[in-house]
Amino acid sequence: MSIFQLSLRTLAITFATVALAGIAVFLAQPRSVESGVLGAEWECSRTAFVLTTCAPRVQQAASASNKVALRAPKP
């Protein structure tokens, strides 16, 4: 009888561990966040409700680098 209960306990612990790992993976996915402070040219994302990162939008960054290249003095 103790082997059967040990199996059930092991199965329950394994199921709980897999469920917690699935929840952790779901929460760790980055999600888009609106940032009214930075403006429309920035794109922000939040990971696991804790870490927020922001970067210039791709189109904005490309046009800004073209402007810098045009302003650079020619040799």
Protein backbone atom coordinates (compact mmCIF):
# COMPACT_ATOMS: atom_id res chain seq x y z
CA MET A 1 0.00 0.00 0.00
CA SER A 2 2.88 2.42 0.70
CA ILE A 3 4.15 2.07 -2.89
CA PHE A 4 0.77 3.18 -4.23
CA GLN A 5 0.67 6.25 -1.97
CA LEU A 6 4.24 7.11 -2.86
CA SER A 7 3.29 7.04 -6.52
CA LEU A 8 0.30 9.31 -5.94
CA ARG A 9 2.45 11.73 -3.95
CA THR A 10 5.11 11.75 -6.68
CA LEU A 11 2.45 12.28 -9.33
CA ALA A 12 0.91 15.18 -7.38
CA ILE A 13 4.28 16.86 -6.84
CA THR A 14 5.17 16.43 -10.51
CA PHE A 15 1.83 17.89 -11.61
CA ALA A 16 2.21 20.87 -9.27
CA THR A 17 5.76 21.53 -10.48
CA VAL A 18 4.72 21.41 -14.14
CA ALA A 19 1.76 23.72 -13.44
CA LEU A 20 3.96 26.26 -11.65
CA ALA A 21 6.53 26.15 -14.45
CA GLY A 22 3.76 26.78 -17.01
CA ILE A 23 2.49 29.77 -15.05
CA ALA A 24 6.03 31.16 -14.77
CA VAL A 25 6.57 30.86 -18.54
CA PHE A 26 3.21 32.54 -19.21
CA LEU A 27 4.02 35.47 -16.92
CA ALA A 28 7.54 35.87 -18.30
CA GLN A 29 6.35 36.67 -21.84
CA PRO A 30 6.81 40.35 -22.73
CA ARG A 31 3.66 42.39 -23.22
CA SER A 32 3.24 45.79 -24.86
CA VAL A 33 2.79 48.74 -22.52
CA GLU A 34 1.48 52.18 -23.39
CA SER A 35 3.85 54.92 -22.31
CA GLY A 36 2.25 58.34 -22.37
CA VAL A 37 5.30 59.91 -20.75
CA LEU A 38 7.78 58.99 -23.50
CA GLY A 39 5.47 59.67 -26.43
CA ALA A 40 4.49 57.83 -29.59
CA GLU A 41 8.03 57.37 -30.88
CA TRP A 42 8.86 54.89 -28.09
CA GLU A 43 7.78 51.25 -27.75
CA CYS A 44 7.74 49.70 -24.26
CA SER A 45 7.19 46.16 -23.03
CA ARG A 46 6.79 44.69 -19.55
CA THR A 47 7.98 41.22 -18.51
CA ALA A 48 6.50 39.37 -15.51
CA PHE A 49 4.87 42.60 -14.23
CA VAL A 50 8.29 43.73 -13.00
CA LEU A 51 10.81 44.57 -15.73
CA THR A 52 9.85 47.32 -18.19
CA THR A 53 12.05 48.10 -21.18
CA CYS A 54 11.60 50.84 -23.77
CA ALA A 55 13.23 51.39 -27.14
CA PRO A 56 12.65 53.77 -30.05
CA ARG A 57 10.24 52.41 -32.62
CA VAL A 58 11.98 50.81 -35.60
CA GLN A 59 10.68 53.29 -38.19
CA GLN A 60 11.63 56.24 -35.98
CA ALA A 61 15.13 54.88 -35.35
CA ALA A 62 15.74 54.27 -39.05
CA SER A 63 14.67 57.77 -40.06
CA ALA A 64 16.73 59.31 -37.23
CA SER A 65 19.86 57.47 -38.35
CA ASN A 66 19.28 58.68 -41.93
CA LYS A 67 19.03 62.27 -40.68
CA VAL A 68 22.29 61.91 -38.77
CA ALA A 69 23.97 60.46 -41.85
CA LEU A 70 22.74 63.38 -43.97
CA ARG A 71 24.04 65.94 -41.46
CA ALA A 72 27.49 64.37 -41.18
CA PRO A 73 30.17 66.46 -42.91
CA LYS A 74 31.54 65.00 -46.09
CA PRO A 75 35.32 64.47 -46.27
